[in-house]
Amino acid sequence: MSDNSIQNLFKSGITREQYLKQHQEVTSKGGDFAENSIFGKTMSGSAGNIFDAVDTNKDGKLDDKELALLSAKGKDDDTTVLSDKDVTAVYDEVQAAQQQQQQSFASDADFQTNFNNIMNGFIQNSSVSSQLRSEYSSKSFELNNLEREIAQNKKDIKAKEQEKADKEQQIKQKEDEINSAQQELEQLQKEPEKNKSAISEKQTQISSLNSEVASLKTEVSNIDKEITALNNKLSSNQDKQLTLQDEIQELEQQIANADRAVQQSMTSFYGSSQYTSSFSNNNNKNHPSMDGLAAEGLEYDSSAGSRLAQDTASHATGFEGHCARFVSNALERAGLSNGQRANATDMDTVLDNNRNFRAVKVSSQEELRNMPAGCIVVYERGAAGYNRTYGHIEVTLGNGHAASDGVTRNMRYSDNMTVYVPVKQKTA
């Protein structure tokens, strides 16, 4: 693979999305890629992680400074041109970091076993929940169609009943005509010889009217049969409706149980003493970002921070776009809420009005990851690659991780974010 492909992949201004698309386009064409190429089998699966490692300021795109650092990674003769050696060096760093992270979680054999059991349970319960939701969706779709059919049944019955009423009204009118014609015939028959022709015409009229009445009564009888059939169909559909409603109600309960099991699995892990011990003791009051608090007579509130971090982590269920809701719920449970809520990107206004927090300046990725437990990071729209409409919000756990609706182990620094620290009055 020529260096031109690497140059096209790692260029100033390219976003993570563009980078991954470019990588996919090259690899999808196939070819004899070198083992140490980012397009080769070994490294392709880590393409996203390699980008994240090169993107040191975590703004979601590469700049000249980051590319200059990348080109010097391989320690080859030319540090101004990117090569496979440079990318391989980053890949090795990523692998080493992942291995170190895995080792940190596997250091305690009992914890690792417990973790595996918890995650197996989580996967199993998630699978059950997914299957139940699929069945629920199918049953709900069937019920919606059935309810439309029931509505049509009722509409058809009403139309037939109206048609029957119209026919019966016609019969009444015809019978009234027959009665009137019979009276006229009786008058004519008083002088049969004189009214012979009129009598014949009147008898023909009466006979015709009787035929029409008979035909109308046959139609009414047929309509009655149709109404009976429609009522039977309606009754059958209503029985099916009740059955489906019972099945859906049962599925809703099963889904709720499965979701609780998933939540318990996540809570068991993120709320475990092995996990929380990794951040509950991070009460770094001397973090550089805290310098401005003393002037206000404030200091980092380690008790509130630990409480908020543990609560947020223990309730995380996985990223589903509900970060602001989960953080707001955690604030309420931890007794740190001011009663206000907002979308993630607008939570800075909420926190500015919350006396339990103060905004502080964080100047680097390293400072962000070293923030103590319980600090809240609010990202503006699109900052660090987060949602372009709602931004993102998360609570630091004090171990380089952060939590909201899910737990991230890769906190992202951005110039377009604000960090809020839980505070209390400074003690002597």
Protein backbone atom coordinates (compact mmCIF):
# COMPACT_ATOMS: atom_id res chain seq x y z
CA MET A 1 0.00 0.00 0.00
CA SER A 2 1.45 3.35 -1.04
CA ASP A 3 2.07 6.16 1.41
CA ASN A 4 -0.39 8.21 -0.67
CA SER A 5 -3.27 6.23 0.87
CA ILE A 6 -1.98 7.04 4.36
CA GLN A 7 -1.53 10.70 3.42
CA ASN A 8 -5.15 10.81 2.17
CA LEU A 9 -6.37 9.15 5.37
CA PHE A 10 -4.40 11.29 7.81
CA LYS A 11 -4.79 14.84 6.57
CA SER A 12 -5.45 18.12 8.30
CA GLY A 13 -9.12 18.90 8.85
CA ILE A 14 -10.43 15.37 8.29
CA THR A 15 -13.19 14.41 10.71
CA ARG A 16 -13.56 11.02 12.36
CA GLU A 17 -16.56 10.22 10.15
CA GLN A 18 -14.68 11.16 6.96
CA TYR A 19 -11.63 9.23 8.13
CA LEU A 20 -13.60 6.03 8.76
CA LYS A 21 -15.43 6.40 5.44
CA GLN A 22 -12.11 6.85 3.60
CA HIS A 23 -10.66 3.82 5.41
CA GLN A 24 -13.70 1.72 4.49
CA GLU A 25 -13.47 2.76 0.82
CA VAL A 26 -9.83 1.66 0.59
CA THR A 27 -10.25 -1.65 2.44
CA SER A 28 -13.45 -2.56 0.56
CA LYS A 29 -11.53 -2.52 -2.73
CA GLY A 30 -9.32 -5.31 -1.44
CA GLY A 31 -5.64 -5.62 -2.19
CA ASP A 32 -2.41 -6.98 -0.82
CA PHE A 33 -2.04 -4.82 2.26
CA ALA A 34 1.12 -5.07 4.34
CA GLU A 35 0.77 -6.55 7.82
CA ASN A 36 1.91 -3.26 9.37
CA SER A 37 -0.59 -1.22 7.28
CA ILE A 38 -3.67 0.38 8.83
CA PHE A 39 -5.55 -1.22 5.93
CA GLY A 40 -4.27 -4.71 6.84
CA LYS A 41 -6.22 -7.34 8.80
CA THR A 42 -4.42 -6.71 12.08
CA MET A 43 -4.91 -2.96 12.33
CA SER A 44 -8.16 -2.40 10.37
CA GLY A 45 -10.33 -3.29 13.34
CA SER A 46 -8.62 -0.62 15.43
CA ALA A 47 -8.88 2.19 12.86
CA GLY A 48 -11.31 4.16 15.02
CA ASN A 49 -9.15 3.77 18.14
CA ILE A 50 -6.09 4.90 16.18
CA PHE A 51 -7.91 8.08 15.10
CA ASP A 52 -8.95 8.73 18.72
CA ALA A 53 -5.33 8.35 19.84
CA VAL A 54 -4.05 10.76 17.17
CA ASP A 55 -6.86 13.25 17.95
CA THR A 56 -5.19 14.38 21.16
CA ASN A 57 -7.44 17.39 21.78
CA LYS A 58 -10.53 15.21 21.17
CA ASP A 59 -12.31 17.73 18.94
CA GLY A 60 -13.29 15.05 16.43
CA LYS A 61 -10.91 16.10 13.66
CA LEU A 62 -7.18 16.11 12.95
CA ASP A 63 -5.04 19.25 12.80
CA ASP A 64 -1.47 20.03 11.70
CA LYS A 65 -0.10 19.81 15.25
CA GLU A 66 -1.57 16.36 15.78
CA LEU A 67 -0.32 15.15 12.40
CA ALA A 68 3.17 16.47 13.18
CA LEU A 69 3.17 14.43 16.39
CA LEU A 70 1.98 11.40 14.41
CA SER A 71 4.71 11.69 11.79
CA ALA A 72 7.35 11.57 14.53
CA LYS A 73 5.93 8.45 16.18
CA GLY A 74 7.74 5.89 14.04
CA LYS A 75 11.19 7.36 14.75
CA ASP A 76 12.25 6.77 11.15
CA ASP A 77 14.62 8.90 9.12
CA ASP A 78 11.96 11.26 7.74
CA THR A 79 9.73 12.71 10.47
CA THR A 80 7.94 15.05 8.07
CA VAL A 81 6.16 12.37 6.00
CA LEU A 82 3.71 9.85 7.40
CA SER A 83 4.55 6.20 7.02
CA ASP A 84 3.29 2.78 8.12
CA LYS A 85 5.84 2.91 10.95
CA ASP A 86 4.22 6.03 12.38
CA VAL A 87 0.74 4.49 12.34
CA THR A 88 2.04 1.18 13.69
CA ALA A 89 3.60 3.04 16.63
CA VAL A 90 0.21 4.56 17.47
CA TYR A 91 -1.45 1.15 17.08
CA ASP A 92 1.07 -0.34 19.52
CA GLU A 93 0.28 2.44 22.02
CA VAL A 94 -3.46 1.78 21.66
CA GLN A 95 -2.96 -1.94 22.18
CA ALA A 96 -0.75 -1.33 25.20
CA ALA A 97 -3.30 1.03 26.73
CA GLN A 98 -6.11 -1.47 26.15
CA GLN A 99 -4.02 -4.27 27.62
CA GLN A 100 -3.19 -2.14 30.65
CA GLN A 101 -6.86 -1.31 31.10
CA GLN A 102 -7.81 -4.97 30.85
CA GLN A 103 -5.12 -5.90 33.32
CA SER A 104 -6.39 -3.28 35.77
CA PHE A 105 -9.80 -4.91 35.73
CA ALA A 106 -8.39 -8.43 35.84
CA SER A 107 -5.98 -7.80 38.73
CA ASP A 108 -8.39 -9.34 41.19
CA ALA A 109 -9.37 -12.89 40.17
CA ASP A 110 -12.56 -12.81 42.20
CA PHE A 111 -13.54 -9.49 40.66
CA GLN A 112 -12.87 -10.81 37.15
CA THR A 113 -15.03 -13.87 37.77
CA ASN A 114 -17.77 -11.71 39.20
CA PHE A 115 -17.46 -9.32 36.29
CA ASN A 116 -17.78 -12.17 33.76
CA ASN A 117 -20.84 -13.54 35.52
CA ILE A 118 -22.42 -10.11 35.64
CA MET A 119 -21.74 -9.42 31.97
CA ASN A 120 -23.01 -12.86 30.92
CA GLY A 121 -26.19 -12.13 32.83
CA PHE A 122 -26.36 -8.70 31.24
CA ILE A 123 -25.97 -10.14 27.74
CA GLN A 124 -28.55 -12.86 28.42
CA ASN A 125 -31.07 -10.45 29.92
CA SER A 126 -30.47 -7.94 27.13
CA SER A 127 -31.12 -10.69 24.58
CA VAL A 128 -34.33 -11.69 26.35
CA SER A 129 -35.41 -8.05 26.49
CA SER A 130 -34.67 -7.64 22.78
CA GLN A 131 -36.66 -10.76 21.87
CA LEU A 132 -39.58 -9.67 24.03
CA ARG A 133 -39.56 -6.20 22.47
CA SER A 134 -39.59 -7.76 19.01
CA GLU A 135 -42.57 -9.93 19.96
CA TYR A 136 -44.24 -6.92 21.60
CA SER A 137 -43.78 -4.90 18.41
CA SER A 138 -45.27 -7.72 16.32
CA LYS A 139 -48.26 -8.15 18.66
CA SER A 140 -48.84 -4.39 18.79
CA PHE A 141 -48.80 -4.24 15.00
CA GLU A 142 -51.28 -7.13 14.85
CA LEU A 143 -53.49 -5.40 17.42
CA ASN A 144 -53.45 -2.12 15.50
CA ASN A 145 -54.51 -3.92 12.32
CA LEU A 146 -57.23 -5.79 14.22
CA GLU A 147 -58.56 -2.61 15.78
CA ARG A 148 -58.77 -1.05 12.32
CA GLU A 149 -60.64 -4.14 11.12
CA ILE A 150 -63.02 -3.92 14.11
CA ALA A 151 -63.69 -0.28 13.32
CA GLN A 152 -64.44 -1.27 9.72
CA ASN A 153 -66.71 -4.11 10.97
CA LYS A 154 -68.74 -1.63 12.98
CA LYS A 155 -68.87 0.76 10.05
CA ASP A 156 -70.08 -2.04 7.72
CA ILE A 157 -72.74 -3.14 10.23
CA LYS A 158 -73.99 0.41 10.60
CA ALA A 159 -74.16 0.78 6.82
CA LYS A 160 -76.08 -2.49 6.47
CA GLU A 161 -78.47 -1.53 9.24
CA GLN A 162 -79.11 1.77 7.47
CA GLU A 163 -79.64 -0.09 4.19
CA LYS A 164 -82.10 -2.41 5.94
CA ALA A 165 -83.96 0.55 7.45
CA ASP A 166 -84.19 2.16 4.00
CA LYS A 167 -85.60 -1.07 2.51
CA GLU A 168 -88.13 -1.39 5.33
CA GLN A 169 -89.20 2.19 4.73
CA GLN A 170 -89.68 1.37 1.05
CA ILE A 171 -91.76 -1.68 2.02
CA LYS A 172 -93.97 0.49 4.23
CA GLN A 173 -94.46 2.97 1.42
CA LYS A 174 -95.33 0.16 -1.02
CA GLU A 175 -97.75 -1.40 1.45
CA ASP A 176 -99.41 1.99 1.92
CA GLU A 177 -99.75 2.23 -1.86
CA ILE A 178 -101.25 -1.27 -1.93
CA ASN A 179 -103.81 -0.37 0.76
CA SER A 180 -104.76 2.78 -1.12
CA ALA A 181 -105.04 0.83 -4.40
CA GLN A 182 -107.19 -1.82 -2.67
CA GLN A 183 -109.63 0.85 -1.50
CA GLU A 184 -109.77 2.33 -4.98
CA LEU A 185 -110.39 -1.16 -6.41
CA GLU A 186 -113.26 -1.76 -4.02
CA GLN A 187 -114.96 1.45 -5.18
CA LEU A 188 -114.51 0.49 -8.83
CA GLN A 189 -115.93 -2.99 -8.26
CA LYS A 190 -119.25 -1.47 -7.18
CA GLU A 191 -119.90 -0.82 -10.87
CA PRO A 192 -118.01 -3.65 -12.52
CA GLU A 193 -119.41 -3.27 -16.02
CA LYS A 194 -118.78 0.46 -16.15
CA ASN A 195 -115.25 0.18 -14.62
CA LYS A 196 -114.13 -3.04 -16.20
CA SER A 197 -110.99 -1.56 -17.77
CA ALA A 198 -110.06 0.49 -14.67
CA ILE A 199 -110.54 -2.55 -12.45
CA SER A 200 -108.10 -4.54 -14.59
CA GLU A 201 -105.49 -1.77 -14.44
CA LYS A 202 -105.86 -1.41 -10.68
CA GLN A 203 -105.48 -5.16 -10.17
CA THR A 204 -102.33 -5.12 -12.30
CA GLN A 205 -100.98 -2.23 -10.21
CA ILE A 206 -101.68 -4.08 -6.95
CA SER A 207 -100.04 -7.24 -8.26
CA SER A 208 -96.96 -5.28 -9.31
CA LEU A 209 -96.75 -3.58 -5.91
CA ASN A 210 -97.02 -6.94 -4.13
CA SER A 211 -94.15 -8.26 -6.27
CA GLU A 212 -92.04 -5.25 -5.35
CA VAL A 213 -92.81 -5.73 -1.66
CA ALA A 214 -91.89 -9.42 -1.87
CA SER A 215 -88.61 -8.52 -3.58
CA LEU A 216 -87.82 -5.89 -0.95
CA LYS A 217 -88.54 -8.35 1.86
CA THR A 218 -86.15 -10.84 0.24
CA GLU A 219 -83.49 -8.11 0.16
CA VAL A 220 -84.13 -7.31 3.82
CA SER A 221 -83.78 -11.00 4.68
CA ASN A 222 -80.44 -11.15 2.84
CA ILE A 223 -79.29 -7.98 4.59
CA ASP A 224 -80.20 -9.59 7.94
CA LYS A 225 -77.96 -12.52 7.06
CA GLU A 226 -75.12 -10.15 6.14
CA ILE A 227 -75.57 -8.25 9.41
CA THR A 228 -75.51 -11.54 11.33
CA ALA A 229 -72.28 -12.55 9.56
CA LEU A 230 -70.73 -9.15 10.24
CA ASN A 231 -71.74 -9.31 13.90
CA ASN A 232 -70.20 -12.78 14.17
CA LYS A 233 -67.00 -11.48 12.58
CA LEU A 234 -67.02 -8.47 14.91
CA SER A 235 -67.50 -10.70 17.95
CA SER A 236 -64.65 -12.96 16.82
CA ASN A 237 -62.35 -9.99 16.24
CA GLN A 238 -63.25 -8.52 19.62
CA ASP A 239 -62.36 -11.84 21.26
CA LYS A 240 -59.02 -11.76 19.42
CA GLN A 241 -58.57 -8.16 20.54
CA LEU A 242 -59.02 -9.10 24.20
CA THR A 243 -56.57 -11.99 23.79
CA LEU A 244 -53.97 -9.76 22.14
CA GLN A 245 -54.42 -7.07 24.78
CA ASP A 246 -53.82 -9.67 27.50
CA GLU A 247 -50.74 -11.00 25.65
CA ILE A 248 -49.37 -7.47 25.18
CA GLN A 249 -49.96 -6.65 28.84
CA GLU A 250 -48.10 -9.81 29.81
CA LEU A 251 -45.26 -8.91 27.43
CA GLU A 252 -45.05 -5.44 28.96
CA GLN A 253 -44.61 -7.04 32.38
CA GLN A 254 -41.99 -9.46 31.04
CA ILE A 255 -40.12 -6.60 29.34
CA ALA A 256 -40.20 -4.61 32.57
CA ASN A 257 -38.80 -7.63 34.44
CA ALA A 258 -36.09 -8.14 31.81
CA ASP A 259 -35.19 -4.44 31.89
CA ARG A 260 -34.94 -4.59 35.67
CA ALA A 261 -32.64 -7.59 35.33
CA VAL A 262 -30.49 -5.64 32.85
CA GLN A 263 -30.44 -2.67 35.23
CA GLN A 264 -29.50 -4.94 38.14
CA SER A 265 -26.65 -6.42 36.07
CA MET A 266 -25.27 -2.97 35.31
CA THR A 267 -25.84 -1.80 38.87
CA SER A 268 -24.07 -4.89 40.21
CA PHE A 269 -21.00 -4.00 38.20
CA TYR A 270 -20.89 -0.20 38.27
CA GLY A 271 -22.14 -0.14 41.83
CA SER A 272 -19.73 -2.83 43.05
CA SER A 273 -17.13 -1.91 45.64
CA GLN A 274 -14.39 -3.12 43.29
CA TYR A 275 -15.42 -0.57 40.68
CA THR A 276 -16.40 2.33 42.91
CA SER A 277 -13.21 1.98 44.94
CA SER A 278 -11.36 3.04 41.79
CA PHE A 279 -12.86 6.51 42.01
CA SER A 280 -14.50 7.01 45.40
CA ASN A 281 -11.16 7.94 46.96
CA ASN A 282 -10.26 10.55 44.33
CA ASN A 283 -10.88 13.71 46.32
CA ASN A 284 -8.21 15.82 44.63
CA LYS A 285 -8.84 19.25 46.12
CA ASN A 286 -5.53 20.46 44.66
CA HIS A 287 -6.47 19.87 41.04
CA PRO A 288 -5.36 22.90 38.94
CA SER A 289 -8.96 23.69 38.05
CA MET A 290 -9.77 24.33 41.72
CA ASP A 291 -7.50 27.39 42.05
CA GLY A 292 -10.31 29.89 41.52
CA LEU A 293 -12.63 28.42 44.16
CA ALA A 294 -10.69 29.68 47.18
CA ALA A 295 -11.30 33.30 46.18
CA GLU A 296 -15.02 32.64 46.65
CA GLY A 297 -14.44 30.87 49.95
CA LEU A 298 -15.31 27.53 48.36
CA GLU A 299 -13.68 24.14 47.94
CA TYR A 300 -14.41 20.83 46.23
CA ASP A 301 -17.09 18.87 48.14
CA SER A 302 -15.65 15.35 48.15
CA SER A 303 -18.67 13.85 49.91
CA ALA A 304 -21.16 15.24 47.40
CA GLY A 305 -18.86 14.36 44.50
CA SER A 306 -18.45 10.72 45.55
CA ARG A 307 -22.17 10.44 46.21
CA LEU A 308 -23.08 11.80 42.77
CA ALA A 309 -20.45 9.72 40.95
CA GLN A 310 -21.49 6.46 42.61
CA ASP A 311 -25.18 7.10 41.99
CA THR A 312 -24.70 8.00 38.32
CA ALA A 313 -22.47 5.00 37.63
CA SER A 314 -24.72 2.55 39.43
CA HIS A 315 -27.79 3.59 37.40
CA ALA A 316 -26.09 3.58 33.98
CA THR A 317 -27.74 1.14 31.56
CA GLY A 318 -26.04 1.94 28.25
CA PHE A 319 -25.94 4.92 25.88
CA GLU A 320 -29.37 5.55 24.35
CA GLY A 321 -29.39 9.34 23.98
CA HIS A 322 -30.78 10.07 27.46
CA CYS A 323 -27.67 11.53 29.11
CA ALA A 324 -29.38 14.70 30.43
CA ARG A 325 -32.24 12.73 31.96
CA PHE A 326 -29.91 10.30 33.74
CA VAL A 327 -27.67 13.06 35.10
CA SER A 328 -30.69 15.08 36.25
CA ASN A 329 -32.11 12.00 37.99
CA ALA A 330 -28.75 11.37 39.68
CA LEU A 331 -28.60 14.98 40.88
CA GLU A 332 -32.02 14.58 42.46
CA ARG A 333 -31.17 11.28 44.15
CA ALA A 334 -27.90 12.73 45.44
CA GLY A 335 -29.72 15.75 46.89
CA LEU A 336 -27.82 18.19 44.65
CA SER A 337 -30.55 19.28 42.24
CA ASN A 338 -32.08 22.75 42.12
CA GLY A 339 -35.24 21.32 40.58
CA GLN A 340 -34.43 22.50 37.06
CA ARG A 341 -33.92 20.31 33.99
CA ALA A 342 -32.85 20.90 30.38
CA ASN A 343 -31.34 19.25 27.32
CA ALA A 344 -27.67 18.36 27.72
CA THR A 345 -26.27 21.43 25.95
CA ASP A 346 -28.50 23.75 28.03
CA MET A 347 -27.60 22.20 31.39
CA ASP A 348 -24.88 24.84 31.79
CA THR A 349 -27.63 27.39 32.51
CA VAL A 350 -29.19 25.02 35.04
CA LEU A 351 -25.86 24.43 36.79
CA ASP A 352 -24.97 28.13 36.74
CA ASN A 353 -28.06 28.59 38.90
CA ASN A 354 -27.24 25.68 41.21
CA ARG A 355 -25.43 26.77 44.40
CA ASN A 356 -23.99 23.26 44.79
CA PHE A 357 -21.72 23.69 41.74
CA ARG A 358 -19.23 26.15 40.27
CA ALA A 359 -17.81 26.29 36.76
CA VAL A 360 -14.03 25.85 36.60
CA LYS A 361 -11.48 26.07 33.81
CA VAL A 362 -10.02 22.81 32.51
CA SER A 363 -7.21 23.34 30.00
CA SER A 364 -6.25 19.90 28.70
CA GLN A 365 -7.24 16.29 28.15
CA GLU A 366 -5.00 15.24 31.04
CA GLU A 367 -6.63 17.72 33.43
CA LEU A 368 -10.08 16.52 32.38
CA ARG A 369 -9.27 12.86 33.02
CA ASN A 370 -7.78 13.72 36.41
CA MET A 371 -10.86 15.57 37.62
CA PRO A 372 -12.12 14.21 40.94
CA ALA A 373 -15.39 12.30 41.27
CA GLY A 374 -18.72 14.05 40.83
CA CYS A 375 -17.78 16.89 38.48
CA ILE A 376 -20.23 17.54 35.64
CA VAL A 377 -19.00 18.08 32.08
CA VAL A 378 -21.39 19.90 29.72
CA TYR A 379 -20.57 19.76 26.00
CA GLU A 380 -22.01 22.28 23.57
CA ARG A 381 -23.74 21.14 20.38
CA GLY A 382 -21.34 19.06 18.28
CA ALA A 383 -18.43 19.54 20.71
CA ALA A 384 -15.93 16.64 20.80
CA GLY A 385 -18.02 14.83 18.19
CA TYR A 386 -21.14 14.62 20.37
CA ASN A 387 -24.72 15.25 19.23
CA ARG A 388 -25.02 18.29 16.96
CA THR A 389 -28.47 19.13 18.32
CA TYR A 390 -28.36 18.33 22.03
CA GLY A 391 -24.66 18.12 22.90
CA HIS A 392 -23.75 15.81 25.79
CA ILE A 393 -23.45 15.78 29.58
CA GLU A 394 -21.65 13.37 31.93
CA VAL A 395 -20.41 13.01 35.49
CA THR A 396 -16.72 12.33 36.16
CA LEU A 397 -16.01 9.20 38.19
CA GLY A 398 -12.55 10.24 39.35
CA ASN A 399 -10.82 7.34 37.59
CA GLY A 400 -10.67 8.81 34.10
CA HIS A 401 -14.16 7.50 33.34
CA ALA A 402 -17.47 9.35 33.19
CA ALA A 403 -21.12 8.30 33.43
CA SER A 404 -24.55 9.43 32.29
CA ASP A 405 -26.95 6.90 30.73
CA GLY A 406 -23.84 4.84 29.96
CA VAL A 407 -20.23 4.75 31.19
CA THR A 408 -17.40 5.99 28.97
CA ARG A 409 -13.75 5.17 29.52
CA ASN A 410 -12.62 7.70 26.91
CA MET A 411 -13.44 11.18 28.15
CA ARG A 412 -13.13 13.81 25.40
CA TYR A 413 -11.61 17.24 25.87
CA SER A 414 -13.01 20.20 23.94
CA ASP A 415 -12.68 23.97 24.04
CA ASN A 416 -16.49 24.02 23.77
CA MET A 417 -17.29 22.38 27.08
CA THR A 418 -17.81 23.57 30.65
CA VAL A 419 -16.85 21.65 33.79
CA TYR A 420 -18.78 22.12 37.03
CA VAL A 421 -17.34 21.10 40.39
CA PRO A 422 -19.46 20.19 43.44
CA VAL A 423 -18.57 22.76 46.12
CA LYS A 424 -19.03 23.65 49.77
CA GLN A 425 -17.83 26.45 52.00
CA LYS A 426 -14.10 26.19 52.49
CA THR A 427 -13.02 24.92 55.89
CA ALA A 428 -10.06 26.31 57.75
